[in-house]
């Protein structure tokens, strides 16, 4: 019974961590794509 409790707790922590980080990863990816698009369009260093 003890192992099942720890596994369930680990699963909940993992899910909470991944869902909290998803917007940051998506936003970071969008920033990289936007930077690359500006570099290709206008030349120079882009946004950053």
Protein backbone atom coordinates (compact mmCIF):
# COMPACT_ATOMS: atom_id res chain seq x y z
CA UNK A 1 0.00 0.00 0.00
CA UNK A 2 2.86 2.36 0.79
CA UNK A 3 4.38 1.98 -2.70
CA UNK A 4 1.07 2.78 -4.40
CA UNK A 5 0.74 5.99 -2.38
CA UNK A 6 4.24 7.14 -3.33
CA UNK A 7 3.66 6.32 -7.00
CA UNK A 8 0.41 8.26 -7.04
CA UNK A 9 2.08 11.22 -5.34
CA UNK A 10 4.98 11.12 -7.81
CA UNK A 11 2.54 11.01 -10.74
CA UNK A 12 0.63 14.03 -9.42
CA UNK A 13 3.81 16.03 -8.91
CA UNK A 14 5.04 15.12 -12.39
CA UNK A 15 1.77 16.13 -14.02
CA UNK A 16 1.64 19.41 -12.09
CA UNK A 17 5.23 20.23 -13.04
CA UNK A 18 4.77 19.45 -16.72
CA UNK A 19 1.54 21.41 -17.04
CA UNK A 20 3.05 24.41 -15.27
CA UNK A 21 6.06 24.44 -17.59
CA UNK A 22 4.15 23.96 -20.84
CA UNK A 23 3.20 27.65 -21.33
CA UNK A 24 6.81 28.67 -20.73
CA UNK A 25 8.11 26.20 -23.28
CA UNK A 26 5.50 27.20 -25.86
CA UNK A 27 6.17 30.91 -25.28
CA UNK A 28 9.91 30.39 -25.53
CA UNK A 29 9.50 28.48 -28.78
CA UNK A 30 7.30 31.23 -30.20
CA UNK A 31 9.91 33.86 -29.28
CA UNK A 32 12.64 31.89 -31.05
CA UNK A 33 10.49 31.52 -34.18
CA UNK A 34 9.59 35.24 -34.16
CA UNK A 35 13.26 36.19 -33.74
CA UNK A 36 14.28 34.00 -36.65
CA UNK A 37 11.51 35.43 -38.84
CA UNK A 38 12.61 39.01 -38.10
CA UNK A 39 16.24 38.11 -38.84
CA UNK A 40 15.27 36.61 -42.19
CA UNK A 41 12.97 39.50 -43.09
CA UNK A 42 15.00 42.51 -41.95
CA UNK A 43 18.50 41.13 -41.45
CA UNK A 44 20.65 42.03 -38.48
CA UNK A 45 20.28 40.50 -35.05
CA UNK A 46 16.49 40.14 -34.96
CA UNK A 47 14.53 40.87 -31.83
CA UNK A 48 17.11 39.80 -29.27
